[in-house]
Each structure stands twice: as C-alpha cells, then as structure tokens.
Protein backbone atom coordinates (compact mmCIF):
# COMPACT_ATOMS: atom_id res chain seq x y z
CA MET A 1 -8.95 -7.06 -19.83
CA ALA A 2 -8.24 -7.93 -16.21
CA VAL A 3 -8.33 -5.18 -13.64
CA ARG A 4 -4.88 -4.51 -12.24
CA PRO A 5 -4.75 -3.90 -8.47
CA ALA A 6 -3.18 -0.89 -6.81
CA LEU A 7 0.07 -1.73 -5.04
CA VAL A 8 -0.02 -0.51 -1.43
CA VAL A 9 3.32 -0.46 0.41
CA GLN A 10 2.79 -0.56 4.17
CA PRO A 11 6.08 0.17 5.99
CA ALA A 12 4.95 -0.96 9.45
CA ASP A 13 2.36 -3.18 11.11
CA ASP A 14 1.17 -0.33 13.33
CA ASP A 15 0.29 1.90 10.36
CA PRO A 16 -2.18 -0.14 8.28
CA VAL A 17 -4.08 1.07 5.23
CA GLY A 18 -7.23 1.46 7.38
CA ARG A 19 -9.89 3.89 6.16
CA LEU A 20 -7.88 4.79 3.07
CA GLY A 21 -8.18 1.15 2.00
CA ASP A 22 -11.92 1.25 2.64
CA TRP A 23 -12.26 4.37 0.46
CA LEU A 24 -10.12 2.94 -2.33
CA THR A 25 -11.99 -0.36 -2.45
CA ALA A 26 -15.34 1.47 -2.30
CA ALA A 27 -14.14 3.40 -5.37
CA GLY A 28 -13.64 0.08 -7.15
CA LEU A 29 -9.91 -0.54 -6.72
CA GLN A 30 -8.49 -3.89 -5.75
CA LEU A 31 -5.54 -3.62 -3.35
CA ASP A 32 -2.31 -5.61 -3.30
CA ILE A 33 -0.95 -4.75 0.16
CA ARG A 34 2.72 -5.50 0.80
CA ASN A 35 4.02 -5.17 4.36
CA ALA A 36 7.68 -4.12 4.41
CA GLU A 37 8.08 -4.83 8.14
CA ARG A 38 7.11 -8.46 7.53
CA GLY A 39 9.47 -8.71 4.56
CA ASP A 40 6.86 -8.91 1.80
CA ALA A 41 8.58 -8.76 -1.58
CA LEU A 42 8.06 -5.74 -3.79
CA PRO A 43 7.71 -6.18 -7.55
CA ASP A 44 10.54 -5.12 -9.84
CA THR A 45 8.11 -3.13 -11.98
CA LEU A 46 4.60 -1.74 -11.67
CA ASP A 47 3.48 -3.41 -14.92
CA GLU A 48 0.96 -5.59 -13.06
CA HIS A 49 -0.46 -2.68 -11.02
CA SER A 50 -2.69 0.28 -11.86
CA ALA A 51 -1.42 2.58 -9.11
CA LEU A 52 1.10 2.90 -6.29
CA VAL A 53 0.28 4.01 -2.74
CA VAL A 54 3.07 4.29 -0.18
CA LEU A 55 1.88 4.68 3.39
CA GLY A 56 3.72 6.58 6.09
CA GLY A 57 5.16 5.18 9.28
CA GLY A 58 5.48 6.00 12.92
CA MET A 59 7.77 8.97 12.34
CA GLY A 60 6.80 12.49 13.29
CA ALA A 61 7.93 16.02 12.50
CA ALA A 62 9.76 16.32 15.84
CA ASP A 63 11.63 12.98 15.52
CA ASP A 64 15.39 12.94 14.95
C-alpha cells in the first residue's frame, strides 16, 4: 500500500510551512503543499491524502 501524503494548504507565500513541515516530515509524513496565492489547484476530495493541514495567513487579531 502506497503512503498517502498530507495535503498542506498554504494561503500565502509569506507564511510557508516552515518548521511545522520539518516536524511533520521528521515524523514520517510526506507533504503535498499547495500554494493558494500562486493558484495551485486543490483536489476535489481528500481520497489521495492521509491528512489535511491548513496554514494561517498574514491576518492578526487586531485586523479589520
């Protein structure tokens, strides 16, 4: 059985997966990183993925 990667949705270039990606790959996960800002397509289903990680963006608690 093939290992299914974790889908990582990265909303913006300036908020990459960074250390979280390092930790996940060190734990044995393969990552399929999709960058929304660049227009990377998202799958219709998660059937080909083992997990879903959605990263945050540049927003903050005090932003309108």
